[in-house]
N, C-alpha and C. Protein backbone atom coordinates (compact mmCIF):
# COMPACT_ATOMS: atom_id res chain seq x y z
N UNK A 1 212.58 12.94 63.01
CA UNK A 1 211.91 13.52 64.53
C UNK A 1 211.31 12.73 64.97
N UNK A 2 211.04 12.97 66.50
CA UNK A 2 210.84 12.15 67.59
C UNK A 2 208.75 11.42 67.48
N UNK A 3 208.78 10.66 68.31
CA UNK A 3 207.69 9.96 68.13
C UNK A 3 207.02 10.55 68.69
N UNK A 4 207.06 11.27 69.91
CA UNK A 4 206.48 12.38 70.72
C UNK A 4 205.70 13.71 69.80
N UNK A 5 206.99 13.86 68.63
CA UNK A 5 207.11 15.66 68.25
C UNK A 5 205.25 14.54 67.10
N UNK A 6 205.55 13.89 65.97
CA UNK A 6 205.20 12.77 65.33
C UNK A 6 204.02 13.01 66.24
N UNK A 7 203.37 12.58 67.38
CA UNK A 7 202.18 11.96 67.91
C UNK A 7 202.22 13.51 68.22
N UNK A 8 202.27 15.08 68.18
CA UNK A 8 201.78 15.80 68.08
C UNK A 8 201.57 16.91 66.67
N UNK A 9 201.74 16.08 66.04
CA UNK A 9 201.43 16.69 64.85
C UNK A 9 200.23 15.97 64.08
N UNK A 10 200.40 14.66 64.69
CA UNK A 10 199.38 13.74 64.13
C UNK A 10 197.92 13.81 65.08
N UNK A 11 198.13 14.90 65.78
CA UNK A 11 196.81 15.41 66.80
C UNK A 11 196.27 14.27 67.89
N UNK A 12 197.73 13.02 67.69
CA UNK A 12 196.77 11.61 68.85
C UNK A 12 198.49 11.34 69.37
N UNK A 13 197.21 10.61 71.29
CA UNK A 13 197.93 10.54 72.40
C UNK A 13 199.37 9.56 72.11
N UNK A 14 199.60 10.00 72.94
CA UNK A 14 201.14 8.90 73.29
C UNK A 14 200.34 8.05 74.58
N UNK A 15 200.04 6.65 74.50
CA UNK A 15 199.44 6.04 76.07
C UNK A 15 200.74 4.89 76.54
N UNK A 16 202.01 4.86 75.77
CA UNK A 16 203.62 4.89 76.10
C UNK A 16 204.24 5.21 75.97
N UNK A 17 204.53 6.85 76.97
CA UNK A 17 206.02 6.25 77.15
C UNK A 17 207.06 7.11 76.25
N UNK A 18 207.47 5.73 77.57
CA UNK A 18 208.98 5.66 77.30
C UNK A 18 209.21 5.29 75.54
N UNK A 19 210.46 6.58 75.67
CA UNK A 19 210.46 5.99 73.28
C UNK A 19 209.84 6.71 73.33
N UNK A 20 209.51 8.45 73.97
CA UNK A 20 208.52 8.68 73.48
C UNK A 20 210.25 9.65 72.28
N UNK A 21 211.28 9.94 72.84
CA UNK A 21 211.85 10.98 72.12
C UNK A 21 213.37 9.87 71.29
N UNK A 22 212.16 8.79 70.93
CA UNK A 22 212.89 8.06 68.77
C UNK A 22 212.44 8.51 68.46
N UNK A 23 213.61 8.18 67.13
CA UNK A 23 213.57 9.11 65.91
C UNK A 23 212.96 8.15 64.56
N UNK A 24 211.93 8.31 64.46
CA UNK A 24 211.23 8.49 63.35
C UNK A 24 211.33 8.88 62.01
N UNK A 25 212.11 8.23 60.80
CA UNK A 25 212.22 8.18 60.13
C UNK A 25 211.41 7.50 58.95
N UNK A 26 210.63 6.85 59.00
CA UNK A 26 209.43 6.07 57.75
C UNK A 26 208.38 5.75 59.54
N UNK A 27 207.63 5.80 58.04
CA UNK A 27 206.51 4.67 58.34
C UNK A 27 206.13 3.06 57.64
N UNK A 28 205.79 2.79 58.75
CA UNK A 28 205.22 1.30 57.28
C UNK A 28 204.06 0.92 58.10
N UNK A 29 203.04 0.33 57.29
CA UNK A 29 201.36 -0.02 57.22
C UNK A 29 201.48 -1.47 56.47
N UNK A 30 200.86 -2.44 58.01
CA UNK A 30 200.93 -3.72 57.77
C UNK A 30 199.83 -3.75 59.35
N UNK A 31 199.11 -5.46 59.74
CA UNK A 31 198.90 -6.65 59.63
C UNK A 31 199.11 -7.16 60.13
N UNK A 32 199.87 -8.19 59.09
CA UNK A 32 200.35 -8.67 59.21
C UNK A 32 201.80 -9.11 59.56
N UNK A 33 202.17 -9.33 60.92
CA UNK A 33 203.48 -9.07 61.99
C UNK A 33 204.92 -10.01 60.24
N UNK A 34 204.31 -10.84 60.17
CA UNK A 34 205.86 -11.92 58.98
C UNK A 34 205.45 -10.22 57.80
N UNK A 35 205.22 -9.68 57.43
CA UNK A 35 205.26 -9.40 56.23
C UNK A 35 206.41 -7.33 56.80
N UNK A 36 205.76 -7.57 57.90
CA UNK A 36 206.28 -6.68 59.42
C UNK A 36 208.20 -6.63 58.52
N UNK A 37 208.12 -7.83 59.63
CA UNK A 37 209.14 -8.21 60.12
C UNK A 37 210.89 -7.87 58.04
N UNK A 38 209.59 -8.40 57.54
CA UNK A 38 210.33 -9.33 56.24
C UNK A 38 210.32 -8.24 55.66
N UNK A 39 210.02 -6.45 56.06
CA UNK A 39 210.20 -5.73 55.08
C UNK A 39 209.96 -4.12 55.55
N UNK A 40 209.48 -4.09 57.25
CA UNK A 40 209.06 -2.82 57.90
C UNK A 40 211.17 -1.66 57.78
N UNK A 41 211.63 -0.91 57.99
CA UNK A 41 212.80 -0.13 58.23
C UNK A 41 212.67 -0.16 59.75
N UNK A 42 214.61 -0.17 59.53
CA UNK A 42 214.54 0.86 61.82
C UNK A 42 214.23 2.34 61.46
N UNK A 43 213.34 2.48 62.60
CA UNK A 43 213.27 3.74 63.05
C UNK A 43 211.80 4.17 62.20
N UNK A 44 211.11 2.66 62.38
CA UNK A 44 210.28 3.55 60.91
C UNK A 44 208.82 3.79 62.47
N UNK A 45 208.24 4.29 62.03
CA UNK A 45 206.48 4.09 62.52
C UNK A 45 205.76 3.40 62.67
N UNK A 46 205.90 1.95 63.57
CA UNK A 46 204.95 1.17 62.77
C UNK A 46 202.75 1.34 62.94
N UNK A 47 201.86 0.83 61.65
CA UNK A 47 201.16 2.03 61.79
C UNK A 47 200.28 0.51 61.50
N UNK A 48 199.11 0.35 62.66
CA UNK A 48 198.40 -1.64 63.43
C UNK A 48 196.76 -1.35 63.88
N UNK A 49 196.56 -2.19 63.57
CA UNK A 49 195.79 -2.74 64.23
C UNK A 49 195.85 -3.87 64.27
N UNK A 50 196.50 -3.80 65.34
CA UNK A 50 197.56 -4.76 66.33
C UNK A 50 197.76 -4.74 67.59
N UNK A 51 197.29 -4.84 68.46
CA UNK A 51 197.87 -4.39 69.72
C UNK A 51 197.52 -5.38 70.87
N UNK A 52 198.67 -7.10 70.66
CA UNK A 52 199.13 -7.29 71.23
C UNK A 52 200.50 -6.79 71.67
N UNK A 53 201.43 -8.10 72.86
CA UNK A 53 202.17 -8.49 72.96
C UNK A 53 203.91 -8.70 71.86
N UNK A 54 202.32 -9.43 70.66
CA UNK A 54 203.40 -10.04 69.05
C UNK A 54 203.67 -8.57 68.40
N UNK A 55 203.06 -7.44 68.52
CA UNK A 55 203.23 -6.72 68.15
C UNK A 55 204.17 -5.89 68.11
N UNK A 56 204.41 -5.83 69.70
CA UNK A 56 206.04 -4.62 70.50
C UNK A 56 207.45 -5.48 69.31
N UNK A 57 206.64 -7.37 69.51
CA UNK A 57 208.25 -7.98 69.58
C UNK A 57 208.80 -7.53 68.06
N UNK A 58 207.85 -8.14 67.61
CA UNK A 58 208.18 -8.16 66.11
C UNK A 58 208.24 -6.24 65.89
N UNK A 59 208.26 -5.06 65.91
CA UNK A 59 208.78 -4.17 66.54
C UNK A 59 209.97 -4.04 67.21
N UNK A 60 210.06 -4.77 68.03
CA UNK A 60 211.71 -4.82 68.43
C UNK A 60 213.15 -5.43 68.03
N UNK A 61 212.35 -6.04 66.57
CA UNK A 61 213.08 -7.26 65.81
C UNK A 61 213.73 -6.06 64.69
N UNK A 62 212.32 -5.40 63.78
CA UNK A 62 212.92 -5.28 62.50
C UNK A 62 213.51 -2.73 63.56
N UNK A 63 213.52 -2.73 64.75
CA UNK A 63 213.86 -1.57 65.53
C UNK A 63 212.84 -0.38 65.27
N UNK A 64 211.71 -0.90 64.97
CA UNK A 64 210.57 -0.06 64.69
C UNK A 64 210.56 0.95 66.00
N UNK A 65 210.19 3.01 66.05
CA UNK A 65 210.81 4.02 67.04
C UNK A 65 209.18 4.02 67.79
N UNK A 66 208.51 3.04 67.13
CA UNK A 66 207.26 4.20 67.36
C UNK A 66 206.02 2.54 67.24
N UNK A 67 204.59 2.56 68.07
CA UNK A 67 203.40 1.79 67.09
C UNK A 67 202.58 2.49 66.99
N UNK A 68 201.68 2.16 65.63
CA UNK A 68 200.37 3.90 66.06
C UNK A 68 199.48 2.68 65.68
N UNK A 69 198.53 2.49 66.98
CA UNK A 69 197.47 1.38 66.89
C UNK A 69 196.68 2.01 66.88
N UNK A 70 195.90 2.01 65.17
CA UNK A 70 194.80 2.92 64.48
C UNK A 70 193.42 2.16 65.44
N UNK A 71 191.94 2.83 64.10
CA UNK A 71 190.73 2.58 64.89
C UNK A 71 190.45 2.30 66.56
N UNK A 72 191.20 2.78 67.46
CA UNK A 72 190.73 3.28 68.39
C UNK A 72 191.12 1.29 69.30
N UNK A 73 191.36 1.01 68.65
CA UNK A 73 191.36 -0.35 69.91
C UNK A 73 192.37 -0.73 70.38
N UNK A 74 191.93 -1.55 71.34
CA UNK A 74 192.08 -1.47 72.81
C UNK A 74 193.37 -2.14 73.09
N UNK A 75 194.16 -1.55 73.61
CA UNK A 75 195.50 -1.62 74.25
C UNK A 75 195.53 -2.34 75.53
N UNK A 76 196.77 -3.84 75.49
CA UNK A 76 196.54 -4.19 76.19
C UNK A 76 197.37 -3.67 77.60
N UNK A 77 196.99 -3.98 78.42
CA UNK A 77 198.27 -3.85 79.79
C UNK A 77 199.94 -4.27 79.17
N UNK A 78 199.89 -5.71 79.03
CA UNK A 78 200.69 -6.13 78.76
C UNK A 78 201.51 -5.64 77.42
N UNK A 79 201.22 -5.67 76.23
CA UNK A 79 202.18 -4.91 75.42
C UNK A 79 201.87 -3.65 75.62
N UNK A 80 201.45 -2.79 76.28
CA UNK A 80 202.26 -1.39 77.18
C UNK A 80 204.00 -1.96 77.77
N UNK A 81 203.56 -3.12 78.70
CA UNK A 81 204.46 -3.40 79.26
C UNK A 81 205.40 -4.19 78.79
N UNK A 82 205.51 -4.13 77.53
CA UNK A 82 206.76 -4.48 76.68
C UNK A 82 206.90 -3.77 76.47
N UNK A 83 206.45 -2.77 75.79
CA UNK A 83 206.44 -1.48 75.06
C UNK A 83 207.47 -0.92 76.29
N UNK A 84 207.44 -0.93 76.72
CA UNK A 84 208.01 -0.04 78.01
C UNK A 84 209.70 -0.63 77.89
N UNK A 85 210.11 -1.64 78.20
CA UNK A 85 210.99 -2.64 78.14
C UNK A 85 211.29 -2.50 77.08
N UNK A 86 210.93 -3.03 75.46
CA UNK A 86 211.70 -2.60 74.72
C UNK A 86 212.69 -0.68 74.00
N UNK A 87 211.41 0.00 74.84
CA UNK A 87 211.61 1.29 74.40
C UNK A 87 211.76 1.74 73.43
N UNK A 88 209.64 1.31 73.59
CA UNK A 88 209.35 1.94 71.04
C UNK A 88 207.90 2.10 72.56
N UNK A 89 208.19 3.70 71.61
CA UNK A 89 206.40 4.01 71.88
C UNK A 89 205.06 3.16 71.56
N UNK A 90 204.08 3.54 72.34
CA UNK A 90 202.59 3.40 71.61
C UNK A 90 202.00 4.65 71.07
N UNK A 91 201.30 4.72 70.73
CA UNK A 91 200.63 6.72 70.07
C UNK A 91 199.55 5.51 69.91
N UNK A 92 198.46 6.45 69.91
CA UNK A 92 196.48 5.19 70.16
C UNK A 92 195.94 6.36 68.77
N UNK A 93 195.53 5.96 68.82
CA UNK A 93 194.26 7.57 67.28
C UNK A 93 192.90 6.45 66.65
N UNK A 94 191.51 7.63 67.21
CA UNK A 94 190.37 6.69 66.46
C UNK A 94 190.32 6.45 64.86
N UNK A 95 191.41 6.84 63.98
CA UNK A 95 192.34 7.74 62.74
C UNK A 95 192.13 5.95 62.58
N UNK A 96 191.82 5.52 60.65
CA UNK A 96 192.47 4.32 60.23
C UNK A 96 193.45 4.63 59.29
N UNK A 97 193.73 2.95 59.61
CA UNK A 97 195.22 3.05 59.09
C UNK A 97 195.41 4.22 57.76
N UNK A 98 194.65 3.93 56.67
CA UNK A 98 194.85 4.67 55.68
C UNK A 98 194.42 6.51 55.68
N UNK A 99 194.69 7.01 56.67
CA UNK A 99 194.60 8.23 57.09
C UNK A 99 195.99 8.34 57.88
N UNK A 100 196.10 8.04 58.81
CA UNK A 100 197.30 7.47 59.39
C UNK A 100 198.46 7.53 58.56
N UNK A 101 198.43 6.53 57.70
CA UNK A 101 199.61 6.63 56.99
C UNK A 101 199.44 7.60 55.94
N UNK A 102 198.90 7.94 55.55
CA UNK A 102 198.89 9.50 54.20
C UNK A 102 199.88 10.18 55.17
N UNK A 103 199.20 10.54 56.39
CA UNK A 103 200.01 12.47 57.68
C UNK A 103 201.09 12.07 57.44
N UNK A 104 201.58 10.61 57.88
CA UNK A 104 202.79 10.49 58.63
C UNK A 104 203.43 10.77 57.24
N UNK A 105 203.30 9.62 55.81
CA UNK A 105 203.97 10.36 54.96
C UNK A 105 204.23 11.82 54.80
N UNK A 106 203.16 12.89 54.83
CA UNK A 106 202.79 14.10 54.60
C UNK A 106 203.81 15.00 55.73
N UNK A 107 203.93 14.31 57.32
CA UNK A 107 204.51 14.84 58.45
C UNK A 107 205.93 15.07 58.22
N UNK A 108 206.13 13.43 57.92
CA UNK A 108 207.86 12.58 57.75
C UNK A 108 208.86 13.63 55.94
N UNK A 109 207.83 13.73 54.85
CA UNK A 109 208.37 14.91 53.65
C UNK A 109 208.91 16.08 53.71
N UNK A 110 208.14 16.52 55.14
CA UNK A 110 208.15 17.48 55.48
C UNK A 110 207.45 17.94 54.23
């Protein structure tokens, strides 16, 4: 499923669409970036409240297809620009991480 289709299925917005055609095969939820580096799978939707430049760097390192920023955390302009350069879509929602994680799991398991 693409990041764009996942956003539509979740009913959330895409704030940075470059990379919206990336294939999403799983999700990974964490706010500890070192945990994401050690455990997230390539092609994941990285579900977090960390909305800054380092989030994109870690997402790029693990090969995440999208970042889903939860709890309406504000997304910085430098994060958006970095995600464009790295071809990683950024999705944004008021939903919390628990809810988004559950929904992503349900959507991806088919």
